[in-house]
N, C-alpha and C. Protein backbone atom coordinates (compact mmCIF):
# COMPACT_ATOMS: atom_id res chain seq x y z
N MET A 1 -203.31 -57.68 34.31
CA MET A 1 -204.32 -57.00 35.13
C MET A 1 -203.63 -56.27 36.28
N GLY A 2 -203.99 -54.99 36.49
CA GLY A 2 -203.35 -54.20 37.52
C GLY A 2 -203.82 -54.57 38.92
N GLU A 3 -203.02 -54.17 39.90
CA GLU A 3 -203.37 -54.43 41.29
C GLU A 3 -204.44 -53.45 41.75
N GLU A 4 -205.29 -53.91 42.65
CA GLU A 4 -206.27 -53.02 43.28
C GLU A 4 -205.76 -52.69 44.69
N VAL A 5 -205.46 -51.43 44.89
CA VAL A 5 -204.98 -50.97 46.20
C VAL A 5 -205.85 -49.80 46.64
N LYS A 6 -206.49 -49.95 47.77
CA LYS A 6 -207.34 -48.89 48.31
C LYS A 6 -206.98 -48.63 49.77
N VAL A 7 -207.08 -47.37 50.17
CA VAL A 7 -206.85 -47.01 51.57
C VAL A 7 -208.11 -46.33 52.10
N PHE A 8 -208.68 -46.90 53.15
CA PHE A 8 -209.78 -46.26 53.86
C PHE A 8 -209.16 -45.45 55.00
N GLY A 9 -209.36 -44.14 54.97
CA GLY A 9 -208.71 -43.29 55.96
C GLY A 9 -209.57 -42.11 56.36
N ALA A 10 -208.99 -41.26 57.20
CA ALA A 10 -209.64 -40.02 57.62
C ALA A 10 -208.59 -38.92 57.53
N TRP A 11 -208.94 -37.78 56.97
CA TRP A 11 -207.95 -36.76 56.64
C TRP A 11 -207.15 -36.30 57.87
N GLY A 12 -207.78 -36.26 59.05
CA GLY A 12 -207.11 -35.77 60.24
C GLY A 12 -206.38 -36.82 61.04
N SER A 13 -206.39 -38.06 60.55
CA SER A 13 -205.79 -39.18 61.29
C SER A 13 -204.34 -39.40 60.88
N PRO A 14 -203.40 -39.27 61.82
CA PRO A 14 -202.00 -39.58 61.47
C PRO A 14 -201.81 -41.04 61.10
N PHE A 15 -202.69 -41.90 61.61
CA PHE A 15 -202.55 -43.34 61.35
C PHE A 15 -202.79 -43.67 59.88
N SER A 16 -203.83 -43.09 59.28
CA SER A 16 -204.06 -43.37 57.87
C SER A 16 -203.05 -42.64 56.98
N ARG A 17 -202.55 -41.49 57.44
CA ARG A 17 -201.54 -40.76 56.67
C ARG A 17 -200.23 -41.55 56.61
N LYS A 18 -199.93 -42.31 57.67
CA LYS A 18 -198.72 -43.15 57.68
C LYS A 18 -198.78 -44.16 56.53
N VAL A 19 -199.94 -44.76 56.36
CA VAL A 19 -200.11 -45.78 55.32
C VAL A 19 -199.94 -45.15 53.94
N GLU A 20 -200.54 -43.98 53.75
CA GLU A 20 -200.39 -43.29 52.46
C GLU A 20 -198.93 -42.94 52.18
N LEU A 21 -198.23 -42.49 53.21
CA LEU A 21 -196.82 -42.12 53.02
C LEU A 21 -195.99 -43.33 52.60
N ALA A 22 -196.20 -44.47 53.26
CA ALA A 22 -195.45 -45.68 52.90
C ALA A 22 -195.71 -46.08 51.45
N LEU A 23 -196.97 -46.03 51.03
CA LEU A 23 -197.31 -46.39 49.65
C LEU A 23 -196.66 -45.43 48.65
N ARG A 24 -196.66 -44.15 48.98
CA ARG A 24 -196.07 -43.16 48.07
C ARG A 24 -194.56 -43.31 47.99
N LEU A 25 -193.92 -43.57 49.12
CA LEU A 25 -192.48 -43.79 49.10
C LEU A 25 -192.11 -44.96 48.20
N LYS A 26 -192.95 -45.97 48.17
CA LYS A 26 -192.70 -47.16 47.35
C LYS A 26 -193.25 -47.03 45.92
N GLY A 27 -193.92 -45.90 45.65
CA GLY A 27 -194.43 -45.68 44.30
C GLY A 27 -195.61 -46.56 43.94
N VAL A 28 -196.42 -46.92 44.95
CA VAL A 28 -197.58 -47.79 44.72
C VAL A 28 -198.83 -46.93 44.49
N PRO A 29 -199.45 -46.99 43.32
CA PRO A 29 -200.69 -46.24 43.10
C PRO A 29 -201.82 -46.82 43.96
N TYR A 30 -202.68 -45.94 44.46
CA TYR A 30 -203.79 -46.41 45.29
C TYR A 30 -204.96 -45.45 45.19
N ASP A 31 -206.12 -45.95 45.51
CA ASP A 31 -207.32 -45.11 45.62
C ASP A 31 -207.56 -44.82 47.09
N TYR A 32 -207.87 -43.57 47.38
CA TYR A 32 -208.12 -43.18 48.77
C TYR A 32 -209.61 -43.00 48.99
N ILE A 33 -210.14 -43.60 50.05
CA ILE A 33 -211.56 -43.46 50.41
C ILE A 33 -211.64 -42.76 51.76
N GLU A 34 -212.17 -41.55 51.77
CA GLU A 34 -212.31 -40.78 53.01
C GLU A 34 -213.52 -41.30 53.80
N GLU A 35 -213.28 -41.59 55.07
CA GLU A 35 -214.34 -42.08 55.95
C GLU A 35 -214.81 -40.97 56.90
N ASP A 36 -216.11 -40.91 57.10
CA ASP A 36 -216.68 -40.06 58.15
C ASP A 36 -216.73 -40.92 59.41
N LEU A 37 -215.87 -40.61 60.38
CA LEU A 37 -215.77 -41.48 61.55
C LEU A 37 -216.98 -41.37 62.47
N ASN A 38 -217.82 -40.38 62.24
CA ASN A 38 -219.08 -40.28 62.99
C ASN A 38 -220.21 -41.05 62.31
N ASN A 39 -219.95 -41.46 61.09
CA ASN A 39 -220.96 -42.21 60.32
C ASN A 39 -220.22 -43.18 59.40
N LYS A 40 -219.66 -44.23 60.02
CA LYS A 40 -218.76 -45.13 59.30
C LYS A 40 -219.51 -45.92 58.22
N SER A 41 -218.82 -46.08 57.10
CA SER A 41 -219.44 -46.77 55.98
C SER A 41 -219.57 -48.27 56.25
N SER A 42 -220.50 -48.89 55.55
CA SER A 42 -220.69 -50.34 55.70
C SER A 42 -219.45 -51.09 55.22
N LEU A 43 -218.73 -50.51 54.23
CA LEU A 43 -217.51 -51.15 53.74
C LEU A 43 -216.42 -51.17 54.80
N LEU A 44 -216.26 -50.04 55.51
CA LEU A 44 -215.26 -50.00 56.57
C LEU A 44 -215.58 -51.03 57.65
N LEU A 45 -216.84 -51.12 58.04
CA LEU A 45 -217.24 -52.09 59.07
C LEU A 45 -217.08 -53.52 58.58
N GLN A 46 -217.25 -53.70 57.28
CA GLN A 46 -217.07 -55.03 56.69
C GLN A 46 -215.59 -55.43 56.68
N TYR A 47 -214.73 -54.45 56.32
CA TYR A 47 -213.31 -54.77 56.17
C TYR A 47 -212.53 -54.71 57.49
N ASN A 48 -213.07 -54.01 58.48
CA ASN A 48 -212.43 -54.00 59.80
C ASN A 48 -213.49 -54.21 60.88
N PRO A 49 -214.05 -55.41 60.94
CA PRO A 49 -215.15 -55.67 61.87
C PRO A 49 -214.73 -55.72 63.34
N VAL A 50 -213.44 -55.91 63.60
CA VAL A 50 -212.96 -56.02 64.98
C VAL A 50 -212.82 -54.65 65.63
N TYR A 51 -212.03 -53.76 64.99
CA TYR A 51 -211.77 -52.44 65.58
C TYR A 51 -212.68 -51.34 65.03
N LYS A 52 -213.21 -51.58 63.83
CA LYS A 52 -214.16 -50.62 63.21
C LYS A 52 -213.57 -49.22 63.08
N LYS A 53 -212.30 -49.15 62.69
CA LYS A 53 -211.67 -47.83 62.55
C LYS A 53 -210.68 -47.82 61.39
N VAL A 54 -210.24 -46.63 61.03
CA VAL A 54 -209.23 -46.46 59.99
C VAL A 54 -207.86 -46.51 60.65
N PRO A 55 -206.84 -46.85 59.83
CA PRO A 55 -206.87 -47.14 58.40
C PRO A 55 -207.15 -48.61 58.12
N VAL A 56 -207.62 -48.83 56.90
CA VAL A 56 -207.72 -50.19 56.35
C VAL A 56 -207.10 -50.15 54.97
N LEU A 57 -206.25 -51.13 54.69
CA LEU A 57 -205.69 -51.30 53.36
C LEU A 57 -206.41 -52.44 52.67
N LEU A 58 -206.88 -52.19 51.46
CA LEU A 58 -207.53 -53.23 50.67
C LEU A 58 -206.62 -53.52 49.49
N HIS A 59 -206.12 -54.76 49.42
CA HIS A 59 -205.20 -55.14 48.34
C HIS A 59 -205.76 -56.36 47.62
N ASN A 60 -206.17 -56.13 46.40
CA ASN A 60 -206.78 -57.21 45.59
C ASN A 60 -207.89 -57.93 46.33
N GLY A 61 -208.75 -57.12 47.00
CA GLY A 61 -209.92 -57.68 47.66
C GLY A 61 -209.70 -58.16 49.08
N LYS A 62 -208.43 -58.21 49.53
CA LYS A 62 -208.13 -58.65 50.89
C LYS A 62 -207.81 -57.45 51.77
N SER A 63 -208.40 -57.44 52.97
CA SER A 63 -208.25 -56.27 53.83
C SER A 63 -207.23 -56.52 54.94
N ILE A 64 -206.49 -55.45 55.26
CA ILE A 64 -205.52 -55.46 56.36
C ILE A 64 -205.81 -54.24 57.21
N ALA A 65 -205.89 -54.44 58.53
CA ALA A 65 -206.21 -53.34 59.45
C ALA A 65 -205.05 -53.12 60.43
N GLU A 66 -205.09 -51.96 61.09
CA GLU A 66 -204.09 -51.52 62.07
C GLU A 66 -202.83 -51.02 61.36
N SER A 67 -202.47 -49.76 61.63
CA SER A 67 -201.44 -49.09 60.84
C SER A 67 -200.09 -49.80 60.84
N ILE A 68 -199.62 -50.29 62.00
CA ILE A 68 -198.32 -50.95 62.04
C ILE A 68 -198.34 -52.26 61.24
N VAL A 69 -199.42 -53.00 61.38
CA VAL A 69 -199.59 -54.25 60.62
C VAL A 69 -199.60 -53.94 59.12
N ILE A 70 -200.30 -52.87 58.75
CA ILE A 70 -200.37 -52.48 57.34
C ILE A 70 -198.99 -52.09 56.81
N LEU A 71 -198.23 -51.32 57.61
CA LEU A 71 -196.89 -50.91 57.19
C LEU A 71 -195.99 -52.13 56.96
N GLU A 72 -196.08 -53.10 57.85
CA GLU A 72 -195.30 -54.34 57.68
C GLU A 72 -195.72 -55.06 56.40
N TYR A 73 -197.02 -55.09 56.15
CA TYR A 73 -197.53 -55.75 54.94
C TYR A 73 -197.02 -55.04 53.69
N ILE A 74 -197.07 -53.71 53.70
CA ILE A 74 -196.59 -52.92 52.56
C ILE A 74 -195.11 -53.21 52.30
N GLU A 75 -194.34 -53.27 53.38
CA GLU A 75 -192.90 -53.54 53.24
C GLU A 75 -192.64 -54.92 52.64
N GLU A 76 -193.42 -55.90 53.05
CA GLU A 76 -193.21 -57.27 52.56
C GLU A 76 -193.75 -57.48 51.14
N THR A 77 -194.73 -56.67 50.75
CA THR A 77 -195.40 -56.87 49.46
C THR A 77 -194.71 -56.12 48.32
N TRP A 78 -194.28 -54.89 48.59
CA TRP A 78 -193.65 -54.07 47.55
C TRP A 78 -192.20 -53.78 47.94
N LYS A 79 -191.28 -54.28 47.13
CA LYS A 79 -189.86 -54.26 47.51
C LYS A 79 -189.16 -52.94 47.22
N ALA A 80 -189.72 -52.11 46.34
CA ALA A 80 -189.07 -50.82 46.04
C ALA A 80 -189.01 -49.96 47.31
N TYR A 81 -187.94 -49.23 47.46
CA TYR A 81 -187.71 -48.33 48.59
C TYR A 81 -188.00 -49.03 49.93
N PRO A 82 -187.08 -49.88 50.39
CA PRO A 82 -187.27 -50.56 51.69
C PRO A 82 -187.42 -49.54 52.82
N ILE A 83 -188.40 -49.76 53.67
CA ILE A 83 -188.60 -48.85 54.81
C ILE A 83 -188.14 -49.48 56.13
N LEU A 84 -187.69 -50.74 56.05
CA LEU A 84 -187.03 -51.40 57.18
C LEU A 84 -185.62 -51.81 56.74
N PRO A 85 -184.66 -51.78 57.66
CA PRO A 85 -183.30 -52.21 57.30
C PRO A 85 -183.30 -53.69 56.90
N GLN A 86 -182.31 -54.07 56.12
CA GLN A 86 -182.19 -55.46 55.69
C GLN A 86 -181.44 -56.31 56.71
N ASP A 87 -180.48 -55.69 57.41
CA ASP A 87 -179.72 -56.40 58.43
C ASP A 87 -180.64 -56.79 59.59
N PRO A 88 -180.64 -58.07 60.01
CA PRO A 88 -181.56 -58.52 61.07
C PRO A 88 -181.46 -57.73 62.37
N ASN A 89 -180.23 -57.39 62.79
CA ASN A 89 -180.08 -56.63 64.03
C ASN A 89 -180.64 -55.22 63.88
N ASP A 90 -180.33 -54.58 62.76
CA ASP A 90 -180.84 -53.22 62.50
C ASP A 90 -182.37 -53.24 62.39
N LYS A 91 -182.89 -54.30 61.78
CA LYS A 91 -184.35 -54.43 61.63
C LYS A 91 -185.00 -54.60 63.00
N ALA A 92 -184.37 -55.41 63.87
CA ALA A 92 -184.90 -55.60 65.22
C ALA A 92 -184.89 -54.28 66.00
N MET A 93 -183.82 -53.50 65.85
CA MET A 93 -183.75 -52.20 66.53
C MET A 93 -184.82 -51.24 66.01
N ALA A 94 -185.05 -51.26 64.70
CA ALA A 94 -186.10 -50.41 64.13
C ALA A 94 -187.46 -50.79 64.70
N ARG A 95 -187.70 -52.10 64.82
CA ARG A 95 -188.99 -52.56 65.38
C ARG A 95 -189.11 -52.18 66.85
N PHE A 96 -187.98 -52.19 67.56
CA PHE A 96 -188.00 -51.74 68.96
C PHE A 96 -188.48 -50.30 69.05
N TRP A 97 -187.92 -49.42 68.21
CA TRP A 97 -188.30 -48.00 68.26
C TRP A 97 -189.72 -47.79 67.76
N ILE A 98 -190.15 -48.59 66.79
CA ILE A 98 -191.54 -48.52 66.32
C ILE A 98 -192.49 -48.83 67.47
N ASN A 99 -192.21 -49.89 68.22
CA ASN A 99 -193.05 -50.26 69.36
C ASN A 99 -193.01 -49.20 70.46
N PHE A 100 -191.85 -48.62 70.67
CA PHE A 100 -191.72 -47.57 71.69
C PHE A 100 -192.55 -46.34 71.33
N ILE A 101 -192.45 -45.91 70.07
CA ILE A 101 -193.18 -44.71 69.62
C ILE A 101 -194.68 -44.97 69.58
N ASP A 102 -195.06 -46.11 69.00
CA ASP A 102 -196.48 -46.42 68.83
C ASP A 102 -197.14 -46.78 70.16
N GLY A 103 -196.35 -47.28 71.10
CA GLY A 103 -196.89 -47.69 72.39
C GLY A 103 -196.68 -46.65 73.48
N LYS A 104 -195.51 -46.67 74.10
CA LYS A 104 -195.23 -45.83 75.26
C LYS A 104 -195.31 -44.34 74.95
N CYS A 105 -194.71 -43.93 73.84
CA CYS A 105 -194.66 -42.50 73.50
C CYS A 105 -196.06 -41.97 73.15
N SER A 106 -196.76 -42.70 72.31
CA SER A 106 -198.11 -42.30 71.92
C SER A 106 -199.04 -42.24 73.13
N SER A 107 -198.94 -43.23 74.00
CA SER A 107 -199.77 -43.28 75.20
C SER A 107 -199.49 -42.10 76.13
N ALA A 108 -198.20 -41.75 76.28
CA ALA A 108 -197.82 -40.64 77.17
C ALA A 108 -198.36 -39.31 76.66
N ILE A 109 -198.30 -39.10 75.36
CA ILE A 109 -198.79 -37.84 74.79
C ILE A 109 -200.32 -37.78 74.87
N ARG A 110 -200.95 -38.92 74.66
CA ARG A 110 -202.42 -38.98 74.78
C ARG A 110 -202.85 -38.67 76.22
N LYS A 111 -202.06 -39.13 77.18
CA LYS A 111 -202.35 -38.87 78.59
C LYS A 111 -202.31 -37.37 78.90
N VAL A 112 -201.36 -36.67 78.27
CA VAL A 112 -201.27 -35.21 78.44
C VAL A 112 -202.56 -34.56 77.94
N ALA A 113 -203.06 -35.07 76.83
CA ALA A 113 -204.26 -34.47 76.22
C ALA A 113 -205.49 -34.64 77.08
N PHE A 114 -205.62 -35.79 77.73
CA PHE A 114 -206.90 -36.10 78.37
C PHE A 114 -206.83 -36.28 79.89
N SER A 115 -205.67 -36.06 80.50
CA SER A 115 -205.57 -36.23 81.96
C SER A 115 -206.21 -35.05 82.68
N PRO A 116 -206.76 -35.28 83.88
CA PRO A 116 -207.31 -34.17 84.67
C PRO A 116 -206.22 -33.17 85.02
N GLU A 117 -206.63 -31.94 85.33
CA GLU A 117 -205.68 -30.85 85.59
C GLU A 117 -204.64 -31.22 86.66
N GLU A 118 -205.10 -31.90 87.71
CA GLU A 118 -204.19 -32.22 88.82
C GLU A 118 -203.14 -33.27 88.44
N GLU A 119 -203.39 -33.99 87.34
CA GLU A 119 -202.42 -35.00 86.90
C GLU A 119 -201.62 -34.54 85.68
N ARG A 120 -201.89 -33.33 85.23
CA ARG A 120 -201.27 -32.84 83.99
C ARG A 120 -199.75 -32.75 84.08
N GLU A 121 -199.27 -32.21 85.20
CA GLU A 121 -197.82 -32.00 85.33
C GLU A 121 -197.05 -33.32 85.23
N LYS A 122 -197.55 -34.34 85.90
CA LYS A 122 -196.90 -35.65 85.85
C LYS A 122 -196.96 -36.23 84.45
N ALA A 123 -198.09 -36.05 83.77
CA ALA A 123 -198.25 -36.55 82.41
C ALA A 123 -197.27 -35.86 81.46
N VAL A 124 -197.09 -34.55 81.65
CA VAL A 124 -196.13 -33.80 80.81
C VAL A 124 -194.71 -34.33 81.03
N GLU A 125 -194.37 -34.59 82.29
CA GLU A 125 -193.04 -35.14 82.61
C GLU A 125 -192.80 -36.47 81.90
N GLU A 126 -193.80 -37.32 81.92
CA GLU A 126 -193.69 -38.64 81.28
C GLU A 126 -193.52 -38.49 79.76
N ALA A 127 -194.29 -37.58 79.18
CA ALA A 127 -194.20 -37.36 77.73
C ALA A 127 -192.82 -36.80 77.37
N CYS A 128 -192.31 -35.88 78.18
CA CYS A 128 -190.99 -35.30 77.91
C CYS A 128 -189.87 -36.33 78.06
N GLU A 129 -190.05 -37.28 78.96
CA GLU A 129 -189.07 -38.36 79.11
C GLU A 129 -189.02 -39.21 77.84
N CYS A 130 -190.19 -39.45 77.26
CA CYS A 130 -190.25 -40.20 75.99
C CYS A 130 -189.56 -39.43 74.87
N LEU A 131 -189.81 -38.14 74.80
CA LEU A 131 -189.18 -37.31 73.77
C LEU A 131 -187.67 -37.24 73.97
N LYS A 132 -187.25 -37.22 75.24
CA LYS A 132 -185.81 -37.21 75.55
C LYS A 132 -185.14 -38.49 75.05
N THR A 133 -185.84 -39.61 75.18
CA THR A 133 -185.32 -40.88 74.68
C THR A 133 -185.18 -40.86 73.16
N LEU A 134 -186.17 -40.28 72.49
CA LEU A 134 -186.10 -40.17 71.03
C LEU A 134 -185.00 -39.20 70.60
N GLU A 135 -184.79 -38.17 71.38
CA GLU A 135 -183.70 -37.21 71.11
C GLU A 135 -182.36 -37.94 71.08
N SER A 136 -182.17 -38.83 72.04
CA SER A 136 -180.92 -39.61 72.10
C SER A 136 -180.84 -40.61 70.95
N ALA A 137 -181.97 -41.18 70.59
CA ALA A 137 -181.99 -42.19 69.51
C ALA A 137 -181.59 -41.58 68.17
N LEU A 138 -181.94 -40.32 67.96
CA LEU A 138 -181.57 -39.65 66.70
C LEU A 138 -180.06 -39.44 66.63
N ASN A 139 -179.48 -39.00 67.75
CA ASN A 139 -178.03 -38.92 67.88
C ASN A 139 -177.34 -38.27 66.68
N GLY A 140 -177.90 -37.14 66.24
CA GLY A 140 -177.29 -36.41 65.14
C GLY A 140 -177.65 -36.89 63.75
N LYS A 141 -178.43 -37.99 63.63
CA LYS A 141 -178.83 -38.49 62.31
C LYS A 141 -179.95 -37.61 61.75
N LYS A 142 -180.05 -37.57 60.44
CA LYS A 142 -181.12 -36.79 59.82
C LYS A 142 -182.48 -37.44 60.08
N PHE A 143 -182.54 -38.76 59.85
CA PHE A 143 -183.74 -39.53 60.12
C PHE A 143 -183.38 -40.67 61.07
N PHE A 144 -184.37 -41.33 61.62
CA PHE A 144 -184.09 -42.38 62.60
C PHE A 144 -183.26 -43.52 62.02
N GLY A 145 -183.46 -43.79 60.73
CA GLY A 145 -182.70 -44.87 60.10
C GLY A 145 -181.43 -44.40 59.42
N GLY A 146 -181.16 -43.10 59.44
CA GLY A 146 -179.97 -42.58 58.76
C GLY A 146 -180.31 -41.43 57.84
N ASP A 147 -179.99 -41.60 56.55
CA ASP A 147 -180.16 -40.49 55.60
C ASP A 147 -181.49 -40.49 54.86
N THR A 148 -182.25 -41.57 54.98
CA THR A 148 -183.53 -41.65 54.27
C THR A 148 -184.67 -41.99 55.23
N ILE A 149 -185.87 -41.63 54.83
CA ILE A 149 -187.06 -41.89 55.64
C ILE A 149 -187.32 -43.39 55.71
N GLY A 150 -187.52 -43.89 56.93
CA GLY A 150 -187.84 -45.30 57.12
C GLY A 150 -189.10 -45.47 57.94
N MET A 151 -189.38 -46.70 58.32
CA MET A 151 -190.64 -46.98 59.03
C MET A 151 -190.69 -46.30 60.39
N VAL A 152 -189.55 -46.17 61.06
CA VAL A 152 -189.56 -45.50 62.38
C VAL A 152 -190.04 -44.05 62.21
N ASP A 153 -189.53 -43.37 61.20
CA ASP A 153 -189.97 -41.99 60.93
C ASP A 153 -191.46 -41.95 60.60
N ILE A 154 -191.89 -42.89 59.77
CA ILE A 154 -193.31 -42.93 59.37
C ILE A 154 -194.21 -43.08 60.59
N VAL A 155 -193.83 -44.00 61.49
CA VAL A 155 -194.63 -44.23 62.69
C VAL A 155 -194.64 -42.99 63.59
N ALA A 156 -193.55 -42.22 63.56
CA ALA A 156 -193.44 -41.01 64.38
C ALA A 156 -194.05 -39.77 63.71
N LEU A 157 -194.81 -39.97 62.64
CA LEU A 157 -195.40 -38.84 61.90
C LEU A 157 -196.23 -37.93 62.80
N PHE A 158 -196.94 -38.52 63.77
CA PHE A 158 -197.79 -37.69 64.65
C PHE A 158 -196.95 -36.73 65.48
N ILE A 159 -195.71 -37.12 65.82
CA ILE A 159 -194.82 -36.22 66.57
C ILE A 159 -194.32 -35.12 65.64
N ALA A 160 -194.03 -35.48 64.40
CA ALA A 160 -193.47 -34.53 63.44
C ALA A 160 -194.45 -33.42 63.07
N PHE A 161 -195.74 -33.75 62.97
CA PHE A 161 -196.69 -32.74 62.45
C PHE A 161 -197.86 -32.44 63.38
N TRP A 162 -198.32 -33.42 64.11
CA TRP A 162 -199.50 -33.23 64.96
C TRP A 162 -199.16 -32.64 66.33
N LEU A 163 -197.94 -32.87 66.81
CA LEU A 163 -197.60 -32.49 68.19
C LEU A 163 -197.52 -30.98 68.40
N ARG A 164 -196.94 -30.27 67.46
CA ARG A 164 -196.77 -28.82 67.66
C ARG A 164 -198.10 -28.08 67.76
N PRO A 165 -199.04 -28.28 66.83
CA PRO A 165 -200.33 -27.60 67.02
C PRO A 165 -201.04 -28.05 68.29
N PHE A 166 -200.90 -29.31 68.66
CA PHE A 166 -201.52 -29.81 69.89
C PHE A 166 -200.98 -29.06 71.11
N GLN A 167 -199.66 -28.91 71.20
CA GLN A 167 -199.10 -28.26 72.38
C GLN A 167 -199.40 -26.76 72.40
N GLU A 168 -199.54 -26.16 71.21
CA GLU A 168 -199.93 -24.74 71.16
C GLU A 168 -201.35 -24.56 71.69
N ILE A 169 -202.24 -25.45 71.30
CA ILE A 169 -203.63 -25.38 71.74
C ILE A 169 -203.73 -25.55 73.25
N LYS A 170 -202.94 -26.49 73.79
CA LYS A 170 -202.98 -26.79 75.22
C LYS A 170 -202.14 -25.82 76.06
N GLY A 171 -201.37 -24.95 75.38
CA GLY A 171 -200.52 -24.01 76.11
C GLY A 171 -199.37 -24.70 76.83
N LEU A 172 -198.83 -25.74 76.21
CA LEU A 172 -197.74 -26.52 76.81
C LEU A 172 -196.50 -26.43 75.93
N GLU A 173 -195.37 -26.77 76.53
CA GLU A 173 -194.15 -26.88 75.73
C GLU A 173 -193.55 -28.26 75.94
N LEU A 174 -193.90 -29.17 75.06
CA LEU A 174 -193.33 -30.51 75.10
C LEU A 174 -192.09 -30.56 74.21
N LEU A 175 -192.28 -30.18 72.95
CA LEU A 175 -191.20 -30.22 71.97
C LEU A 175 -190.79 -28.81 71.59
N SER A 176 -189.52 -28.50 71.79
CA SER A 176 -188.99 -27.19 71.38
C SER A 176 -187.54 -27.37 70.93
N SER A 177 -187.04 -26.38 70.19
CA SER A 177 -185.65 -26.47 69.69
C SER A 177 -184.65 -26.37 70.83
N GLU A 178 -185.05 -25.71 71.94
CA GLU A 178 -184.15 -25.57 73.08
C GLU A 178 -184.05 -26.89 73.86
N LYS A 179 -185.19 -27.53 74.08
CA LYS A 179 -185.20 -28.75 74.89
C LYS A 179 -184.70 -29.97 74.12
N PHE A 180 -185.13 -30.08 72.86
CA PHE A 180 -184.80 -31.27 72.07
C PHE A 180 -184.36 -30.85 70.66
N PRO A 181 -183.15 -30.31 70.53
CA PRO A 181 -182.70 -29.79 69.22
C PRO A 181 -182.68 -30.84 68.10
N ASN A 182 -182.24 -32.07 68.41
CA ASN A 182 -182.19 -33.11 67.37
C ASN A 182 -183.59 -33.45 66.87
N LEU A 183 -184.50 -33.65 67.82
CA LEU A 183 -185.86 -34.04 67.47
C LEU A 183 -186.59 -32.91 66.76
N PHE A 184 -186.35 -31.68 67.20
CA PHE A 184 -187.00 -30.52 66.59
C PHE A 184 -186.54 -30.37 65.14
N LYS A 185 -185.23 -30.53 64.91
CA LYS A 185 -184.70 -30.44 63.54
C LYS A 185 -185.24 -31.58 62.69
N TRP A 186 -185.34 -32.77 63.30
CA TRP A 186 -185.91 -33.90 62.56
C TRP A 186 -187.33 -33.60 62.08
N THR A 187 -188.16 -32.99 62.95
CA THR A 187 -189.53 -32.67 62.54
C THR A 187 -189.53 -31.73 61.33
N ASP A 188 -188.64 -30.73 61.35
CA ASP A 188 -188.56 -29.79 60.23
C ASP A 188 -188.09 -30.48 58.96
N ASP A 189 -187.04 -31.30 59.08
CA ASP A 189 -186.51 -32.01 57.90
C ASP A 189 -187.55 -32.97 57.32
N PHE A 190 -188.25 -33.65 58.21
CA PHE A 190 -189.23 -34.66 57.79
C PHE A 190 -190.41 -34.02 57.06
N VAL A 191 -191.04 -33.05 57.69
CA VAL A 191 -192.26 -32.49 57.08
C VAL A 191 -191.96 -31.58 55.88
N SER A 192 -190.68 -31.21 55.70
CA SER A 192 -190.35 -30.38 54.54
C SER A 192 -190.06 -31.22 53.29
N CYS A 193 -189.98 -32.56 53.45
CA CYS A 193 -189.81 -33.44 52.29
C CYS A 193 -191.05 -33.36 51.41
N SER A 194 -190.86 -33.22 50.12
CA SER A 194 -191.99 -33.01 49.21
C SER A 194 -193.00 -34.16 49.28
N ILE A 195 -192.52 -35.39 49.39
CA ILE A 195 -193.43 -36.55 49.40
C ILE A 195 -194.24 -36.60 50.70
N VAL A 196 -193.67 -36.06 51.78
CA VAL A 196 -194.40 -35.99 53.06
C VAL A 196 -195.44 -34.88 53.00
N LYS A 197 -195.05 -33.74 52.44
CA LYS A 197 -195.98 -32.60 52.31
C LYS A 197 -197.26 -33.00 51.59
N GLU A 198 -197.12 -33.90 50.61
CA GLU A 198 -198.28 -34.30 49.79
C GLU A 198 -199.39 -34.95 50.63
N ILE A 199 -199.03 -35.59 51.73
CA ILE A 199 -200.04 -36.33 52.50
C ILE A 199 -200.47 -35.62 53.78
N LEU A 200 -199.84 -34.46 54.08
CA LEU A 200 -200.18 -33.76 55.31
C LEU A 200 -201.47 -32.95 55.16
N PRO A 201 -202.31 -32.93 56.19
CA PRO A 201 -203.53 -32.10 56.12
C PRO A 201 -203.18 -30.62 56.27
N PRO A 202 -204.04 -29.72 55.81
CA PRO A 202 -203.80 -28.28 56.00
C PRO A 202 -203.72 -27.96 57.49
N ARG A 203 -202.72 -27.16 57.88
CA ARG A 203 -202.48 -26.95 59.31
C ARG A 203 -203.66 -26.25 60.01
N ASP A 204 -204.23 -25.23 59.37
CA ASP A 204 -205.35 -24.50 59.99
C ASP A 204 -206.54 -25.42 60.22
N LYS A 205 -206.81 -26.26 59.24
CA LYS A 205 -207.92 -27.21 59.36
C LYS A 205 -207.62 -28.22 60.47
N LEU A 206 -206.35 -28.63 60.57
CA LEU A 206 -205.96 -29.59 61.60
C LEU A 206 -206.10 -28.99 62.99
N VAL A 207 -205.70 -27.72 63.15
CA VAL A 207 -205.83 -27.05 64.45
C VAL A 207 -207.28 -27.04 64.90
N ALA A 208 -208.18 -26.68 63.98
CA ALA A 208 -209.61 -26.67 64.31
C ALA A 208 -210.11 -28.07 64.68
N HIS A 209 -209.60 -29.06 63.96
CA HIS A 209 -209.99 -30.46 64.20
C HIS A 209 -209.51 -30.92 65.58
N ILE A 210 -208.27 -30.59 65.95
CA ILE A 210 -207.72 -30.99 67.25
C ILE A 210 -208.50 -30.30 68.37
N LYS A 211 -208.80 -29.01 68.20
CA LYS A 211 -209.58 -28.27 69.21
C LYS A 211 -210.93 -28.94 69.44
N ALA A 212 -211.59 -29.30 68.35
CA ALA A 212 -212.91 -29.94 68.48
C ALA A 212 -212.79 -31.29 69.15
N HIS A 213 -211.73 -32.03 68.83
CA HIS A 213 -211.53 -33.36 69.42
C HIS A 213 -211.25 -33.26 70.92
N LEU A 214 -210.45 -32.26 71.32
CA LEU A 214 -210.10 -32.11 72.72
C LEU A 214 -211.27 -31.61 73.57
N SER A 215 -212.22 -30.95 72.92
CA SER A 215 -213.35 -30.37 73.68
C SER A 215 -214.45 -31.38 73.92
N LYS A 216 -214.33 -32.58 73.32
CA LYS A 216 -215.39 -33.60 73.47
C LYS A 216 -215.39 -34.18 74.89
């Protein structure tokens, strides 16, 4: 009997796209269920009653919520194409960068999006400091883990694809080839991978989606 793997997601959410990317890298077949976040399904509320949001992974009837938790579960469940290093020290460092990107970096960029005008400059500085740290972490490597896409890259998907249209809409320059050449090249290398392209939303549709989200 085959495994039942389902992903509850939203097309414009980098969080649910991360889960899809991890499954595809590991060659795990899954069914995708698109959620209307303005009218959430009873199944989504049933499977994620605490946060009531996407993504949710359903594996053989058992639900897992929160993208980082899901990525860890995927790594532990399906051994093909490891997305975390095997060496304990390297694995700990990868988790450090995952926490930095998902926590401090994500929070700083969100602050730029929603801070009042008088606080915008400081918010931009904080976000650029985070990007500067990631620039150093890449240190000439193609991906954060080396030559292949790993969990750190997956968690940073929103920087690779969502950040550029966001900064264009806001009229800001957070990420550029002049300021952060390593990080800028990483975004190009990452999103040009065929398996990554498969899960990315159409850029024009995403721009419209971001504009609508920022105007709320």
